[in-house]
Amino acid sequence: MRQSFCTNLLLIGLVTLPVTPASVQSEVAQLQSTVRRSSEPAKNQFSHPVTSSLPVKDYSIAELQLPAKSVFPMAMPRYPNVWFYVSKALAPTHQAAVELVTSRLQQAMRFREFHLPDSEGCDFEGRLEHLQPWEDRSHQPLQHAHAFHLRYYFSSLRQNGLSEVVLREAGREFAFYRMAVSAHYEVEHTNPNHADVEICPICGRTGDYAGLKGNLVELVHDPLGLELMTHGTIRGATVRYEDWKQEPVGSVKNFEISWAIRKFLFPGMTQDKNTHSIGLILLGLKSSGR
């Protein structure tokens, strides 16, 4: 991911991810190597200027108190790879925080929302189709465009008393509402090859992901979805809508116009967190004068 998502992130905590051939130990070594290669140039972009409404501490994943996978419906196959922590200064209730994030994200990325009866246990989902068509005459039967696909999970947090969290820093307390998202990038839904084409240079097990052994969705599609959602890029390249304007696809970066933001990236594939990496976004009020 040297030229991709990690290029723009502040890596917090010990970066250790499992994966590669042969034994479990060699798989751990491979994925550790993948993250180390991208961690050096990634130091300063995933954090933002100091604001009074957000803490400035570089929290560990333990300090951010992410809930266990078991609090979510059993139909959810993977741990959510994006978390929003919304300052209570921005929203009076958890539902208001959910509506704030979901409406702004849809506005930024322009995806369709779907409320389906059975969609991996989520509250509802969004899809943005026909991005970055892969056209290769030597692999015509496998050609496809791509889809960004996300699922929101928030009612389970509310039902289990986990929709609120307090972060502490130097004697101060910062209260947030939170919600979870599972985001991935894959072969578009109407293509007969949906959802996996291993050799695709865009969504396949190629480039910086080439050596990773295991579930393609967990190890490739998930981090690509996280990258697009937070930066508007795939493998470091700007993604554009496939229409006559060719405008860039929006992302969480659009939020910076209105709110103070801090972003964190943590390694996944540990304990119950069966996804390549986990992004966490703090949203708060901008300081006066900004």
Protein backbone atom coordinates (compact mmCIF):
# COMPACT_ATOMS: atom_id res chain seq x y z
CA MET A 1 0.00 0.00 0.00
CA ARG A 2 2.99 2.24 -0.40
CA GLN A 3 1.13 4.41 -2.88
CA SER A 4 -2.30 3.76 -1.47
CA PHE A 5 -4.32 4.34 1.66
CA CYS A 6 -1.51 4.04 4.18
CA THR A 7 0.42 6.81 2.38
CA ASN A 8 -1.91 9.29 3.98
CA LEU A 9 -2.47 7.84 7.38
CA LEU A 10 -1.14 8.25 10.89
CA LEU A 11 -0.51 4.68 12.02
CA ILE A 12 -1.31 4.34 15.68
CA GLY A 13 -0.13 1.50 17.89
CA LEU A 14 1.93 -1.53 17.03
CA VAL A 15 1.49 -2.40 13.35
CA THR A 16 1.32 -6.17 13.18
CA LEU A 17 -0.88 -7.94 10.68
CA PRO A 18 -1.03 -11.70 9.97
CA VAL A 19 -0.62 -13.27 6.46
CA THR A 20 1.48 -15.20 3.70
CA PRO A 21 2.01 -18.78 2.61
CA ALA A 22 3.04 -21.97 4.40
CA SER A 23 2.44 -21.82 8.12
CA VAL A 24 0.52 -19.36 10.25
CA GLN A 25 3.82 -17.89 11.44
CA SER A 26 4.98 -17.14 7.91
CA GLU A 27 1.62 -15.55 7.15
CA VAL A 28 2.09 -13.21 10.09
CA ALA A 29 5.56 -12.26 8.85
CA GLN A 30 4.30 -11.46 5.34
CA LEU A 31 1.52 -9.12 6.41
CA GLN A 32 3.81 -7.46 8.96
CA SER A 33 6.21 -6.76 6.12
CA THR A 34 3.44 -5.33 3.94
CA VAL A 35 2.41 -2.82 6.59
CA ARG A 36 5.98 -1.86 7.53
CA ARG A 37 6.74 -1.00 3.90
CA SER A 38 3.91 1.53 3.91
CA SER A 39 4.23 2.85 7.44
CA GLU A 40 7.33 5.03 7.01
CA PRO A 41 5.88 7.68 4.68
CA ALA A 42 2.56 7.60 6.47
CA LYS A 43 3.32 9.59 9.57
CA ASN A 44 1.64 12.94 9.25
CA GLN A 45 -1.43 12.98 7.13
CA PHE A 46 -4.01 11.08 9.08
CA SER A 47 -3.98 13.62 11.89
CA HIS A 48 -5.09 17.21 11.60
CA PRO A 49 -4.35 20.56 13.27
CA VAL A 50 -5.16 20.78 16.97
CA THR A 51 -8.72 21.83 17.78
CA SER A 52 -10.31 22.48 21.14
CA SER A 53 -13.28 20.19 20.47
CA LEU A 54 -11.24 17.02 19.89
CA PRO A 55 -8.49 15.41 21.93
CA VAL A 56 -5.00 15.51 20.44
CA LYS A 57 -3.75 12.32 22.03
CA ASP A 58 -2.66 9.46 19.79
CA TYR A 59 -4.89 6.78 21.29
CA SER A 60 -4.22 3.07 21.12
CA ILE A 61 -6.95 0.85 19.78
CA ALA A 62 -7.57 -0.38 23.34
CA GLU A 63 -8.07 3.19 24.59
CA LEU A 64 -10.71 3.77 21.90
CA GLN A 65 -12.75 0.91 23.41
CA LEU A 66 -14.02 -0.75 20.26
CA PRO A 67 -16.80 -3.26 21.02
CA ALA A 68 -16.43 -6.99 20.42
CA LYS A 69 -17.77 -8.49 17.19
CA SER A 70 -20.21 -10.54 19.27
CA VAL A 71 -22.41 -7.49 20.01
CA PHE A 72 -23.41 -7.36 16.34
CA PRO A 73 -25.82 -9.71 14.55
CA MET A 74 -24.42 -13.15 13.77
CA ALA A 75 -25.19 -12.48 10.09
CA MET A 76 -22.39 -9.88 10.00
CA PRO A 77 -19.44 -11.81 8.52
CA ARG A 78 -16.60 -9.34 9.14
CA TYR A 79 -15.73 -6.89 11.86
CA PRO A 80 -16.62 -3.29 10.83
CA ASN A 81 -13.58 -1.60 9.29
CA VAL A 82 -14.69 2.03 9.72
CA TRP A 83 -15.83 3.70 12.94
CA PHE A 84 -17.24 7.20 13.41
CA TYR A 85 -17.00 8.88 16.80
CA VAL A 86 -19.22 11.98 16.70
CA SER A 87 -18.71 14.61 19.38
CA LYS A 88 -21.80 15.29 21.46
CA ALA A 89 -21.19 18.94 20.63
CA LEU A 90 -22.32 18.10 17.07
CA ALA A 91 -25.38 15.96 17.83
CA PRO A 92 -27.85 15.90 20.74
CA THR A 93 -28.66 12.17 20.42
CA HIS A 94 -27.21 9.00 18.98
CA GLN A 95 -29.84 8.96 16.24
CA ALA A 96 -28.96 12.55 15.33
CA ALA A 97 -25.29 11.54 15.09
CA VAL A 98 -26.18 8.62 12.81
CA GLU A 99 -28.26 10.85 10.55
CA LEU A 100 -25.51 13.46 10.44
CA VAL A 101 -22.88 10.96 9.28
CA THR A 102 -25.06 8.99 6.87
CA SER A 103 -26.52 12.06 5.17
CA ARG A 104 -23.18 13.81 4.76
CA LEU A 105 -21.46 10.67 3.52
CA GLN A 106 -24.17 10.03 0.94
CA GLN A 107 -23.96 13.65 -0.16
CA ALA A 108 -20.17 13.45 -0.48
CA MET A 109 -20.00 10.12 -2.35
CA ARG A 110 -23.41 10.17 -4.12
CA PHE A 111 -24.27 6.52 -3.58
CA ARG A 112 -27.75 4.95 -3.56
CA GLU A 113 -29.13 3.73 -0.25
CA PHE A 114 -30.88 0.38 0.14
CA HIS A 115 -33.04 -0.85 3.01
CA LEU A 116 -33.09 -4.60 2.47
CA PRO A 117 -34.63 -7.23 4.77
CA ASP A 118 -31.51 -9.39 4.94
CA SER A 119 -28.16 -7.74 4.27
CA GLU A 120 -25.58 -9.24 6.62
CA GLY A 121 -27.42 -7.91 9.66
CA CYS A 122 -26.89 -4.23 8.83
CA ASP A 123 -29.30 -1.37 9.48
CA PHE A 124 -29.09 -0.27 5.84
CA GLU A 125 -26.53 -0.07 3.06
CA GLY A 126 -25.21 2.09 0.24
CA ARG A 127 -23.82 1.23 -3.19
CA LEU A 128 -21.96 3.24 -5.81
CA GLU A 129 -21.67 1.27 -9.05
CA HIS A 130 -19.69 1.36 -12.30
CA LEU A 131 -16.42 2.85 -11.12
CA GLN A 132 -12.99 2.31 -12.70
CA PRO A 133 -13.87 -0.14 -15.51
CA TRP A 134 -11.12 -2.70 -16.02
CA GLU A 135 -10.82 -3.28 -19.78
CA ASP A 136 -8.23 -5.83 -20.86
CA ARG A 137 -8.61 -7.59 -24.22
CA SER A 138 -6.46 -10.46 -23.04
CA HIS A 139 -8.99 -11.16 -20.25
CA GLN A 140 -12.30 -10.20 -21.87
CA PRO A 141 -14.47 -12.73 -19.97
CA LEU A 142 -13.21 -11.25 -16.69
CA GLN A 143 -13.62 -7.58 -17.56
CA HIS A 144 -15.70 -5.54 -15.14
CA ALA A 145 -16.31 -2.19 -13.51
CA HIS A 146 -16.28 -1.77 -9.73
CA ALA A 147 -18.64 -0.99 -6.89
CA PHE A 148 -18.13 0.74 -3.57
CA HIS A 149 -20.38 -0.99 -1.04
CA LEU A 150 -20.96 -0.08 2.60
CA ARG A 151 -23.18 -1.36 5.38
CA TYR A 152 -24.10 0.65 8.47
CA TYR A 153 -24.29 -0.89 11.94
CA PHE A 154 -25.62 1.28 14.75
CA SER A 155 -28.81 -0.16 16.29
CA SER A 156 -26.89 -3.08 17.83
CA LEU A 157 -24.62 -0.61 19.62
CA ARG A 158 -27.64 1.25 20.97
CA GLN A 159 -29.37 -1.93 22.11
CA ASN A 160 -26.26 -3.09 23.96
CA GLY A 161 -25.54 0.23 25.66
CA LEU A 162 -22.44 0.82 23.52
CA SER A 163 -23.53 3.79 21.43
CA GLU A 164 -21.64 6.27 23.62
CA VAL A 165 -17.98 6.46 24.58
CA VAL A 166 -15.83 8.85 26.59
CA LEU A 167 -12.18 9.50 25.69
CA ARG A 168 -9.85 10.98 28.30
CA GLU A 169 -6.85 13.23 27.88
CA ALA A 170 -4.91 15.17 30.52
CA GLY A 171 -7.81 15.31 32.97
CA ARG A 172 -10.36 16.25 30.32
CA GLU A 173 -13.23 14.10 29.06
CA PHE A 174 -14.53 14.05 25.49
CA ALA A 175 -17.95 12.46 24.98
CA PHE A 176 -18.90 10.87 21.65
CA TYR A 177 -21.67 8.93 19.98
CA ARG A 178 -20.40 6.18 17.73
CA MET A 179 -21.45 4.03 14.80
CA ALA A 180 -19.80 1.34 12.71
CA VAL A 181 -19.46 0.79 8.96
CA SER A 182 -18.33 -2.16 6.87
CA ALA A 183 -16.96 -0.79 3.59
CA HIS A 184 -15.46 -2.69 0.67
CA TYR A 185 -14.61 -2.29 -3.03
CA GLU A 186 -15.41 -5.13 -5.42
CA VAL A 187 -16.58 -6.27 -8.84
CA GLU A 188 -19.86 -4.44 -9.49
CA HIS A 189 -23.07 -6.23 -8.62
CA THR A 190 -24.52 -6.68 -12.14
CA ASN A 191 -21.36 -8.28 -13.52
CA PRO A 192 -21.42 -12.10 -13.69
CA ASN A 193 -17.97 -12.15 -12.04
CA HIS A 194 -19.27 -10.41 -8.90
CA ALA A 195 -17.68 -10.17 -6.42
CA ASP A 196 -14.16 -11.54 -6.97
CA VAL A 197 -11.63 -11.49 -9.78
CA GLU A 198 -8.29 -12.41 -8.28
CA ILE A 199 -6.12 -11.07 -11.13
CA CYS A 200 -7.80 -7.65 -11.41
CA PRO A 201 -5.16 -4.93 -10.98
CA ILE A 202 -7.75 -2.76 -9.23
CA CYS A 203 -9.71 -5.01 -6.85
CA GLY A 204 -7.72 -8.24 -7.03
CA ARG A 205 -4.89 -9.84 -5.10
CA THR A 206 -2.30 -7.79 -6.95
CA GLY A 207 0.23 -5.03 -6.31
CA ASP A 208 0.85 -4.43 -2.61
CA TYR A 209 -1.75 -7.09 -1.78
CA ALA A 210 -0.25 -9.78 -4.01
CA GLY A 211 1.38 -11.84 -1.26
CA LEU A 212 -1.54 -11.96 1.12
CA LYS A 213 -3.07 -15.38 1.65
CA GLY A 214 -6.60 -15.73 2.92
CA ASN A 215 -10.06 -14.28 2.32
CA LEU A 216 -9.98 -11.80 -0.57
CA VAL A 217 -12.75 -9.63 0.89
CA GLU A 218 -11.09 -9.35 4.31
CA LEU A 219 -7.59 -8.72 2.95
CA VAL A 220 -8.14 -6.69 -0.25
CA HIS A 221 -11.72 -5.51 -0.78
CA ASP A 222 -12.07 -4.17 2.77
CA PRO A 223 -8.93 -1.99 2.85
CA LEU A 224 -9.74 -0.69 -0.65
CA GLY A 225 -13.22 0.33 0.54
CA LEU A 226 -11.70 2.01 3.57
CA GLU A 227 -9.28 3.90 1.33
CA LEU A 228 -11.98 5.15 -1.03
CA MET A 229 -14.31 6.15 1.77
CA THR A 230 -11.68 8.16 3.63
CA HIS A 231 -9.53 9.52 0.80
CA GLY A 232 -11.40 9.16 -2.49
CA THR A 233 -8.61 7.00 -3.93
CA ILE A 234 -7.96 3.37 -4.81
CA ARG A 235 -4.32 2.25 -4.61
CA GLY A 236 -3.38 5.92 -4.39
CA ALA A 237 -5.17 6.95 -7.61
CA THR A 238 -8.12 9.37 -7.58
CA VAL A 239 -11.40 7.65 -8.45
CA ARG A 240 -13.74 9.51 -10.78
CA TYR A 241 -17.38 9.04 -11.70
CA GLU A 242 -17.85 7.35 -15.08
CA ASP A 243 -19.87 10.13 -16.68
CA TRP A 244 -19.19 13.10 -18.91
CA LYS A 245 -17.96 15.32 -16.07
CA GLN A 246 -15.48 12.78 -14.66
CA GLU A 247 -15.59 14.46 -11.26
CA PRO A 248 -13.66 12.90 -8.37
CA VAL A 249 -15.64 10.66 -6.05
CA GLY A 250 -16.10 12.39 -2.70
CA SER A 251 -15.03 10.99 0.66
CA VAL A 252 -14.75 11.75 4.35
CA LYS A 253 -12.27 14.45 3.34
CA ASN A 254 -15.31 16.52 2.32
CA PHE A 255 -16.26 16.68 5.99
CA GLU A 256 -13.24 18.87 6.71
CA ILE A 257 -15.11 21.86 5.30
CA SER A 258 -17.59 21.75 8.18
CA TRP A 259 -15.98 19.87 11.07
CA ALA A 260 -12.78 19.22 12.90
CA ILE A 261 -11.54 15.71 12.09
CA ARG A 262 -8.96 13.31 13.41
CA LYS A 263 -8.38 9.95 11.75
CA PHE A 264 -6.60 6.81 12.92
CA LEU A 265 -5.63 3.56 11.23
CA PHE A 266 -5.06 0.32 13.13
CA PRO A 267 -4.07 -3.18 12.00
CA GLY A 268 -6.83 -5.74 11.89
CA MET A 269 -6.71 -9.54 11.62
CA THR A 270 -6.35 -9.81 15.40
CA GLN A 271 -8.70 -11.61 17.81
CA ASP A 272 -12.26 -11.09 16.47
CA LYS A 273 -11.28 -8.30 14.06
CA ASN A 274 -11.27 -10.28 10.83
CA THR A 275 -10.57 -7.41 8.46
CA HIS A 276 -7.25 -6.12 7.13
CA SER A 277 -7.29 -2.73 8.85
CA ILE A 278 -9.61 -0.52 10.87
CA GLY A 279 -10.08 3.21 10.38
CA LEU A 280 -11.49 5.40 13.14
CA ILE A 281 -12.67 8.96 12.57
CA LEU A 282 -13.29 11.54 15.30
CA LEU A 283 -15.67 14.36 14.32
CA GLY A 284 -16.02 17.55 16.33
CA LEU A 285 -16.71 21.26 16.16
CA LYS A 286 -14.10 23.43 14.53
CA SER A 287 -12.38 25.89 16.79
CA SER A 288 -13.44 29.51 16.42
CA GLY A 289 -11.47 31.39 13.83
CA ARG A 290 -10.86 28.34 11.62
